[in-house]
Amino acid sequence: MKHWMFSVLIFLGLLSPTLAQTYSSEEVIVSGIDFSRFSAELKVDPNLDITLSKRWARNIERNFCWSGVFTLVNSTYDYCQAKREAEMQIQLNQRKSGLEFAVADLQGNVLLGEMLPIDKDEISETDIISGVNQITEKLTGIEGILGTSIAFTLKQPGRKKIIALTNTHGMGLRSLTNSKEISLLPRWSPDSTKLIYTTVGNRGTTIWMHNVLKNKADELRRGEDGVTSGGTWYGNGSRVVATISMNANVDLYDIDIESGRTQRLTRHSSIDTAPTLSPDNHNLVFVSDRTGREQIYMRDMESGSIYRLTFDGFSNSDPVWSPDGTRIVFSRSVNGRNQIFLMDPFGDDYQQLTFGRFDSEKPTWSPDGRQIVFAADRTGIFKLYVMFVDGTGLRRLTSTPRGFEETGASWSRRAVGGEY
């Protein structure tokens, strides 16, 4: 499948022209492409009511698995099965003030823990999410991602595409946009308070900036020649890089959000699109068909030099930097199907993450760099899926009806629009 920008040109013609963190003396890397998950054993206090403890344990286990930080000995989830002996215990202990779930050493000595209040034999999902996130941060030094928001493009049968929000559990689904035009390509600002997205309508394409705190969208840029699309944020959130068509040529431009001033970054007769800045703002990757086929390029933002990163005979698209700036996730057409790959932009290391007879495309990273969300047509229509960065742990993100199409996700660092 061609990248959106290449196909939308035809559509418009019909309308009108961190560094890795370590833990323990064994230096177990838990972020970035080489991370390992902690191997743990779930231990349930025998004094707990059996029926209640099983229900609580199942829910807590699920959240530990979905955190991307743990694997469990004898897990009920195949993808969460520990492949080595337990390094620690996760305990569920009966306490007067509620249920304590704690991380302990193999001798059972509690290292750190969180207390979960019990109300009418129920433990809220919000409390579990908060507790697992706190334990994750204490162990790794990186904020946990459970309960954070994911923006994506949603197409309901008989309706135009909108920008929708859900959380890491596929819950709290709601619409962010209510435009009469098609809405696409959401991208969170670094502080997750703003979102840029693109609309497509009779007047061409427009980039919008939505302030989620104020629930207000402002027009950022309208395509002078009918084509423009966002985009990627600079680390300070004051500028973006977007695709803009000027004088019938499609290039990448730096846009100052406050003043609207633009600076041209690429100059080529081809279509340059899908820009993503590295976390340190030093390098910009993008897609161009300047060789006749979509390939991935990188621009040094200081020197302006442009380097080609993919040289094979496949079409490559959708590149996105990892949060620690060490890897790029992207999609590649292999034997007529799009698959998700990882690459080292400073070497020749490639890793294929998805396989099979389905299309998998438009990947992006979780804020901690441990998971990837992407779109795949495994059910006959594109839905969102989440996997760990080694390609394991695949799960469906949402539970929308069969006819709902989902794609183009962007993962926020925070929960947007309330609690779980």
Protein backbone atom coordinates (compact mmCIF):
# COMPACT_ATOMS: atom_id res chain seq x y z
CA MET A 1 0.00 0.00 0.00
CA LYS A 2 1.37 3.39 -0.93
CA HIS A 3 2.06 5.97 1.73
CA TRP A 4 -0.94 8.25 2.37
CA MET A 5 0.61 11.35 0.82
CA PHE A 6 1.30 9.65 -2.50
CA SER A 7 -2.25 8.38 -2.81
CA VAL A 8 -3.91 11.56 -1.49
CA LEU A 9 -2.43 13.56 -4.36
CA ILE A 10 -4.57 11.56 -6.74
CA PHE A 11 -7.57 11.99 -4.44
CA LEU A 12 -7.10 15.76 -4.32
CA GLY A 13 -6.76 15.89 -8.09
CA LEU A 14 -10.33 14.62 -8.28
CA LEU A 15 -11.49 17.39 -5.96
CA SER A 16 -9.30 20.24 -7.23
CA PRO A 17 -5.72 20.71 -8.07
CA THR A 18 16.52 8.42 26.92
CA LEU A 19 18.88 6.73 27.41
CA ALA A 20 18.50 3.00 28.28
CA GLN A 21 17.89 2.31 31.98
CA THR A 22 19.58 -0.54 33.87
CA TYR A 23 18.68 -2.52 36.97
CA SER A 24 20.80 -4.67 39.30
CA SER A 25 24.41 -5.74 38.93
CA GLU A 26 23.50 -7.83 35.89
CA GLU A 27 22.67 -4.65 33.95
CA VAL A 28 19.34 -5.81 32.57
CA ILE A 29 18.43 -3.28 29.89
CA VAL A 30 14.75 -2.38 30.11
CA SER A 31 14.32 0.30 27.48
CA GLY A 32 15.25 0.76 23.86
CA ILE A 33 15.49 -1.99 21.26
CA ASP A 34 17.61 -4.28 23.45
CA PHE A 35 15.43 -4.21 26.54
CA SER A 36 14.65 -7.34 28.53
CA ARG A 37 11.60 -7.84 30.69
CA PHE A 38 11.93 -8.78 34.33
CA SER A 39 11.05 -12.40 35.04
CA ALA A 40 8.76 -12.68 38.07
CA GLU A 41 6.63 -15.20 39.93
CA LEU A 42 3.15 -14.23 41.12
CA LYS A 43 2.62 -15.26 44.78
CA VAL A 44 -0.87 -14.99 46.29
CA ASP A 45 -1.45 -14.82 50.05
CA PRO A 46 -3.16 -18.13 51.02
CA ASN A 47 -5.33 -16.21 53.51
CA LEU A 48 -7.13 -14.43 50.68
CA ASP A 49 -10.56 -15.62 49.58
CA ILE A 50 -9.86 -18.03 46.70
CA THR A 51 -12.58 -16.74 44.38
CA LEU A 52 -11.72 -13.08 44.93
CA SER A 53 -7.96 -13.62 44.80
CA LYS A 54 -8.21 -15.40 41.45
CA ARG A 55 -10.14 -12.50 39.94
CA TRP A 56 -7.83 -9.89 41.43
CA ALA A 57 -4.71 -11.82 40.46
CA ARG A 58 -5.89 -12.21 36.85
CA ASN A 59 -6.47 -8.48 36.49
CA ILE A 60 -3.20 -7.53 38.18
CA GLU A 61 -1.32 -10.08 36.07
CA ARG A 62 -2.76 -8.61 32.88
CA ASN A 63 -1.60 -5.12 33.82
CA PHE A 64 1.89 -6.27 34.74
CA CYS A 65 2.11 -8.02 31.36
CA TRP A 66 0.74 -5.03 29.41
CA SER A 67 3.23 -2.72 31.13
CA GLY A 68 5.90 -4.19 28.87
CA VAL A 69 8.27 -4.54 31.81
CA PHE A 70 7.50 -8.01 33.19
CA THR A 71 7.14 -11.63 32.16
CA LEU A 72 5.61 -14.08 34.61
CA VAL A 73 6.34 -17.69 35.47
CA ASN A 74 3.23 -19.78 34.67
CA SER A 75 1.41 -16.79 33.19
CA THR A 76 -2.10 -17.37 31.83
CA TYR A 77 -1.02 -15.32 28.78
CA ASP A 78 1.25 -17.11 26.29
CA TYR A 79 3.09 -13.93 25.29
CA CYS A 80 3.82 -13.13 28.95
CA GLN A 81 5.38 -16.49 29.79
CA ALA A 82 8.81 -16.08 31.39
CA LYS A 83 11.57 -17.77 29.39
CA ARG A 84 13.95 -17.93 32.34
CA GLU A 85 13.70 -18.57 36.08
CA ALA A 86 12.07 -15.91 38.22
CA GLU A 87 14.29 -13.03 39.31
CA MET A 88 11.74 -11.66 41.79
CA GLN A 89 8.31 -12.20 43.27
CA ILE A 90 5.12 -10.19 42.77
CA GLN A 91 3.13 -10.70 45.96
CA LEU A 92 -0.57 -10.18 46.70
CA ASN A 93 -0.86 -9.84 50.47
CA GLN A 94 -3.89 -9.35 52.73
CA ARG A 95 -3.56 -6.20 54.83
CA LYS A 96 -6.01 -4.37 57.12
CA SER A 97 -6.04 -1.36 54.79
CA GLY A 98 -6.57 -3.37 51.62
CA LEU A 99 -4.65 -5.54 49.22
CA GLU A 100 -0.91 -5.00 49.02
CA PHE A 101 0.80 -5.93 45.81
CA ALA A 102 4.52 -5.81 46.19
CA VAL A 103 7.79 -6.65 44.49
CA ALA A 104 9.93 -8.94 46.63
CA ASP A 105 13.17 -10.85 46.28
CA LEU A 106 13.16 -14.61 45.83
CA GLN A 107 13.28 -15.07 49.61
CA GLY A 108 10.03 -13.12 49.92
CA ASN A 109 11.51 -9.92 51.36
CA VAL A 110 9.40 -6.99 50.13
CA LEU A 111 11.44 -4.42 48.18
CA LEU A 112 8.64 -2.03 47.23
CA GLY A 113 4.89 -2.16 47.05
CA GLU A 114 1.58 -0.40 46.58
CA MET A 115 -1.66 -0.66 48.55
CA LEU A 116 -4.91 -1.23 46.65
CA PRO A 117 -8.15 -0.25 48.42
CA ILE A 118 -10.96 -2.82 48.31
CA ASP A 119 -14.54 -1.61 47.91
CA LYS A 120 -17.32 -4.21 48.07
CA ASP A 121 -14.92 -6.97 47.03
CA GLU A 122 -13.79 -4.92 44.03
CA ILE A 123 -10.45 -3.32 43.17
CA SER A 124 -10.64 -0.53 40.62
CA GLU A 125 -8.73 -0.79 37.36
CA THR A 126 -7.53 2.78 37.88
CA ASP A 127 -5.86 1.84 41.17
CA ILE A 128 -4.19 -1.20 39.61
CA ILE A 129 -2.91 0.86 36.67
CA SER A 130 -1.56 3.52 39.01
CA GLY A 131 0.13 0.94 41.21
CA VAL A 132 1.79 -0.92 38.34
CA ASN A 133 2.97 2.38 36.85
CA GLN A 134 4.53 3.41 40.16
CA ILE A 135 6.29 0.09 40.57
CA THR A 136 7.51 0.30 36.97
CA GLU A 137 8.96 3.77 37.51
CA LYS A 138 10.65 2.78 40.76
CA LEU A 139 12.28 -0.22 39.09
CA THR A 140 13.30 1.35 35.80
CA GLY A 141 13.41 5.10 36.33
CA ILE A 142 10.97 5.55 33.43
CA GLU A 143 7.30 6.45 33.81
CA GLY A 144 4.85 3.61 33.24
CA ILE A 145 2.58 3.86 30.20
CA LEU A 146 -0.55 2.07 31.41
CA GLY A 147 -3.68 4.19 31.07
CA THR A 148 -2.09 6.78 28.78
CA SER A 149 -3.97 7.92 25.66
CA ILE A 150 -3.60 6.87 22.04
CA ALA A 151 -4.95 9.08 19.26
CA PHE A 152 -5.76 7.47 15.91
CA THR A 153 -7.80 7.81 12.74
CA LEU A 154 -11.21 6.13 13.03
CA LYS A 155 -13.57 5.43 10.13
CA GLN A 156 -17.10 4.37 10.99
CA PRO A 157 -19.30 2.84 8.28
CA GLY A 158 -21.03 5.58 6.30
CA ARG A 159 -19.10 8.37 8.01
CA LYS A 160 -15.92 10.33 7.35
CA LYS A 161 -12.65 9.66 9.13
CA ILE A 162 -12.20 11.35 12.49
CA ILE A 163 -9.47 11.57 15.14
CA ALA A 164 -10.42 9.38 18.11
CA LEU A 165 -8.88 8.65 21.49
CA THR A 166 -8.58 5.46 23.52
CA ASN A 167 -6.31 4.29 26.32
CA THR A 168 -3.82 1.44 26.55
CA HIS A 169 -6.62 -0.97 27.49
CA GLY A 170 -8.78 0.03 24.52
CA MET A 171 -11.23 1.72 26.89
CA GLY A 172 -12.70 5.21 27.06
CA LEU A 173 -13.10 5.51 23.29
CA ARG A 174 -14.22 8.99 22.25
CA SER A 175 -13.95 11.37 19.31
CA LEU A 176 -11.58 14.33 19.36
CA THR A 177 -12.65 15.92 16.07
CA ASN A 178 -16.10 16.57 14.64
CA SER A 179 -15.22 18.02 11.25
CA LYS A 180 -17.21 17.69 8.04
CA GLU A 181 -13.87 16.94 6.38
CA ILE A 182 -11.71 13.84 6.58
CA SER A 183 -9.29 13.93 9.55
CA LEU A 184 -5.96 12.07 9.41
CA LEU A 185 -2.41 11.75 10.73
CA PRO A 186 -2.57 12.72 14.43
CA ARG A 187 0.73 13.47 16.19
CA TRP A 188 1.14 14.39 19.86
CA SER A 189 3.31 17.27 21.02
CA PRO A 190 6.23 16.33 23.31
CA ASP A 191 4.28 17.34 26.42
CA SER A 192 1.10 15.63 25.16
CA THR A 193 -1.02 18.77 25.57
CA LYS A 194 -1.47 19.42 21.85
CA LEU A 195 -2.13 17.34 18.78
CA ILE A 196 -1.58 18.22 15.15
CA TYR A 197 -3.62 16.48 12.48
CA THR A 198 -4.57 16.93 8.84
CA THR A 199 -7.99 17.43 7.29
CA VAL A 200 -8.86 16.71 3.66
CA GLY A 201 -11.80 18.44 1.98
CA ASN A 202 -13.01 20.32 -1.07
CA ARG A 203 -10.54 23.13 -0.44
CA GLY A 204 -7.56 20.79 -0.19
CA THR A 205 -5.70 19.86 2.96
CA THR A 206 -5.17 21.74 6.21
CA ILE A 207 -3.00 21.15 9.26
CA TRP A 208 -4.75 21.79 12.56
CA MET A 209 -3.36 22.11 16.07
CA HIS A 210 -5.73 20.88 18.79
CA ASN A 211 -5.14 22.01 22.37
CA VAL A 212 -6.56 19.14 24.42
CA LEU A 213 -6.52 21.15 27.66
CA LYS A 214 -8.75 23.83 26.14
CA ASN A 215 -10.50 21.44 23.72
CA LYS A 216 -9.88 23.96 20.96
CA ALA A 217 -8.47 23.50 17.44
CA ASP A 218 -6.74 26.24 15.44
CA GLU A 219 -5.74 26.20 11.79
CA LEU A 220 -1.97 25.95 11.54
CA ARG A 221 -1.41 25.73 7.78
CA ARG A 222 -3.54 25.40 4.65
CA GLY A 223 -2.00 23.98 1.49
CA GLU A 224 -1.41 26.74 -1.04
CA ASP A 225 -1.47 24.25 -3.90
CA GLY A 226 -4.08 22.03 -2.30
CA VAL A 227 -1.66 19.72 -0.44
CA THR A 228 -0.18 19.96 3.03
CA SER A 229 0.12 17.43 5.83
CA GLY A 230 1.63 17.20 9.30
CA GLY A 231 3.93 16.56 10.75
CA THR A 232 6.44 16.14 13.54
CA TRP A 233 7.20 18.29 16.58
CA TYR A 234 10.45 19.81 17.76
CA GLY A 235 11.31 18.88 21.33
CA ASN A 236 10.34 22.29 22.73
CA GLY A 237 6.88 22.13 21.12
CA SER A 238 7.23 25.53 19.46
CA ARG A 239 7.79 24.31 15.88
CA VAL A 240 6.78 21.47 13.62
CA VAL A 241 8.01 19.98 10.37
CA ALA A 242 5.30 19.29 7.80
CA THR A 243 4.80 18.43 4.16
CA ILE A 244 3.72 21.46 2.12
CA SER A 245 3.12 21.88 -1.60
CA MET A 246 4.31 25.20 -3.00
CA ASN A 247 4.56 26.04 -6.68
CA ALA A 248 3.44 22.50 -7.51
CA ASN A 249 6.38 20.99 -5.60
CA VAL A 250 5.96 18.90 -2.44
CA ASP A 251 8.72 19.41 0.14
CA LEU A 252 9.31 19.51 3.89
CA TYR A 253 9.05 22.80 5.75
CA ASP A 254 9.83 24.00 9.26
CA ILE A 255 6.81 25.92 10.65
CA ASP A 256 6.98 28.27 13.64
CA ILE A 257 3.70 27.77 15.50
CA GLU A 258 3.50 31.25 16.99
CA SER A 259 4.34 33.30 13.90
CA GLY A 260 3.47 30.85 11.13
CA ARG A 261 6.80 31.52 9.40
CA THR A 262 8.13 28.66 7.29
CA GLN A 263 11.59 27.50 6.30
CA ARG A 264 12.09 25.06 3.43
CA LEU A 265 14.09 21.96 4.41
CA THR A 266 14.13 19.87 1.22
CA ARG A 267 14.39 20.91 -2.42
CA HIS A 268 13.60 18.16 -4.88
CA SER A 269 11.15 17.59 -7.70
CA SER A 270 9.95 14.43 -5.94
CA ILE A 271 7.38 14.10 -3.17
CA ASP A 272 8.99 14.37 0.29
CA THR A 273 6.66 13.43 3.14
CA ALA A 274 6.16 11.56 6.46
CA PRO A 275 8.78 13.53 8.46
CA THR A 276 9.84 12.49 11.96
CA LEU A 277 12.43 14.30 14.07
CA SER A 278 14.82 12.41 16.31
CA PRO A 279 14.35 13.10 20.04
CA ASP A 280 17.42 15.36 20.10
CA ASN A 281 16.17 17.26 16.99
CA HIS A 282 19.49 16.54 15.21
CA ASN A 283 18.13 14.27 12.48
CA LEU A 284 14.96 14.22 10.41
CA VAL A 285 13.82 11.05 8.66
CA PHE A 286 11.28 11.18 5.85
CA VAL A 287 9.95 9.31 2.83
CA SER A 288 10.69 10.31 -0.76
CA ASP A 289 10.09 8.79 -4.19
CA ARG A 290 13.08 10.61 -5.68
CA THR A 291 14.50 7.29 -6.96
CA GLY A 292 11.17 6.18 -8.44
CA ARG A 293 10.17 4.11 -5.40
CA GLU A 294 9.37 5.17 -1.83
CA GLN A 295 12.54 5.06 0.26
CA ILE A 296 13.54 6.45 3.64
CA TYR A 297 16.01 9.34 3.90
CA MET A 298 17.62 11.23 6.76
CA ARG A 299 18.46 14.94 6.88
CA ASP A 300 21.14 16.25 9.23
CA MET A 301 19.39 19.30 10.70
CA GLU A 302 22.64 21.16 11.34
CA SER A 303 24.43 20.67 8.03
CA GLY A 304 21.39 20.12 5.82
CA SER A 305 23.00 17.01 4.31
CA ILE A 306 20.59 14.28 3.21
CA TYR A 307 21.41 10.57 3.37
CA ARG A 308 19.48 7.64 1.97
CA LEU A 309 18.77 4.93 4.59
CA THR A 310 17.05 2.19 2.56
CA PHE A 311 18.53 0.83 -0.66
CA ASP A 312 16.56 -2.33 -1.41
CA GLY A 313 13.99 -2.90 -4.12
CA PHE A 314 11.08 -2.65 -1.67
CA SER A 315 8.88 0.32 -0.93
CA ASN A 316 9.59 1.68 2.55
CA SER A 317 7.40 4.15 4.46
CA ASP A 318 6.05 5.35 7.83
CA PRO A 319 9.42 5.86 9.64
CA VAL A 320 9.28 6.88 13.32
CA TRP A 321 12.20 7.39 15.72
CA SER A 322 12.28 5.46 18.98
CA PRO A 323 12.03 7.62 22.13
CA ASP A 324 15.71 7.02 22.92
CA GLY A 325 16.80 7.88 19.36
CA THR A 326 18.54 4.56 18.67
CA ARG A 327 16.15 2.88 16.25
CA ILE A 328 13.52 3.64 13.61
CA VAL A 329 10.35 1.60 13.17
CA PHE A 330 8.89 1.60 9.66
CA SER A 331 6.79 -0.40 7.22
CA ARG A 332 8.12 -2.21 4.15
CA SER A 333 6.32 -3.90 1.28
CA VAL A 334 7.42 -7.55 1.16
CA ASN A 335 5.89 -9.96 -1.35
CA GLY A 336 2.95 -7.62 -1.85
CA ARG A 337 2.28 -7.15 1.88
CA ASN A 338 3.33 -4.36 4.23
CA GLN A 339 5.25 -5.56 7.28
CA ILE A 340 6.72 -3.78 10.31
CA PHE A 341 10.51 -3.51 10.55
CA LEU A 342 13.10 -1.95 12.84
CA MET A 343 16.37 -0.49 11.66
CA ASP A 344 19.48 1.08 13.09
CA PRO A 345 19.80 4.35 11.13
CA PHE A 346 23.53 4.45 11.86
CA GLY A 347 24.24 0.86 10.79
CA ASP A 348 22.88 -1.93 8.61
CA ASP A 349 20.83 -3.76 11.24
CA TYR A 350 17.25 -4.65 10.18
CA GLN A 351 14.71 -6.69 12.13
CA GLN A 352 11.33 -7.83 10.79
CA LEU A 353 8.63 -7.80 13.47
CA THR A 354 5.44 -8.87 11.65
CA PHE A 355 4.88 -11.71 9.18
CA GLY A 356 2.11 -13.48 7.34
CA ARG A 357 -0.58 -12.76 4.77
CA PHE A 358 -1.83 -9.55 6.41
CA ASP A 359 -0.85 -5.93 5.84
CA SER A 360 0.76 -4.26 8.86
CA GLU A 361 1.57 -0.57 8.62
CA LYS A 362 1.80 2.90 10.21
CA PRO A 363 3.69 1.89 13.38
CA THR A 364 4.59 4.17 16.26
CA TRP A 365 6.21 3.81 19.68
CA SER A 366 4.94 3.80 23.23
CA PRO A 367 6.46 6.71 25.20
CA ASP A 368 8.82 4.37 27.06
CA GLY A 369 10.05 2.67 23.88
CA ARG A 370 9.03 -0.81 25.01
CA GLN A 371 5.99 -1.33 22.76
CA ILE A 372 4.78 -0.53 19.26
CA VAL A 373 1.22 0.18 18.14
CA PHE A 374 0.34 -0.35 14.47
CA ALA A 375 -2.55 -1.01 12.10
CA ALA A 376 -3.18 -4.42 10.52
CA ASP A 377 -6.02 -5.92 8.47
CA ARG A 378 -6.04 -9.29 10.27
CA THR A 379 -9.84 -9.20 10.50
CA GLY A 380 -10.30 -8.02 6.92
CA ILE A 381 -10.30 -4.35 7.93
CA PHE A 382 -7.55 -2.33 9.60
CA LYS A 383 -7.57 -2.42 13.40
CA LEU A 384 -4.97 -1.29 15.94
CA TYR A 385 -2.63 -3.80 17.56
CA VAL A 386 0.11 -3.56 20.17
CA MET A 387 3.29 -5.64 20.39
CA PHE A 388 6.57 -5.57 22.28
CA VAL A 389 9.60 -4.26 20.41
CA ASP A 390 10.85 -7.78 19.71
CA GLY A 391 7.61 -8.61 17.85
CA THR A 392 6.11 -10.73 20.65
CA GLY A 393 3.13 -9.98 22.86
CA LEU A 394 0.72 -9.16 20.04
CA ARG A 395 -2.71 -8.08 21.24
CA ARG A 396 -5.67 -6.23 19.78
CA LEU A 397 -5.89 -2.74 21.27
CA THR A 398 -9.56 -1.91 20.73
CA SER A 399 -12.84 -3.81 20.63
CA THR A 400 -14.67 -1.66 18.07
CA PRO A 401 -17.29 -3.31 15.82
CA ARG A 402 -16.08 -5.17 12.76
CA GLY A 403 -16.90 -2.39 10.27
CA PHE A 404 -14.87 0.28 12.11
CA GLU A 405 -11.49 1.01 10.51
CA GLU A 406 -8.55 2.17 12.68
CA THR A 407 -5.11 3.37 11.61
CA GLY A 408 -2.40 6.02 12.04
CA ALA A 409 -1.94 5.97 15.83
CA SER A 410 0.09 8.36 18.00
CA TRP A 411 0.82 7.44 21.65
CA SER A 412 0.61 10.15 24.32
CA ARG A 413 2.72 10.42 27.48
CA ARG A 414 -0.32 11.12 29.62
CA ALA A 415 -3.96 10.25 30.08
CA VAL A 416 -6.18 12.66 28.17
CA GLY A 417 -9.79 13.34 29.08
CA GLY A 418 -10.09 11.85 32.53
CA GLU A 419 -9.33 8.64 34.34
CA TYR A 420 -9.61 5.04 33.16
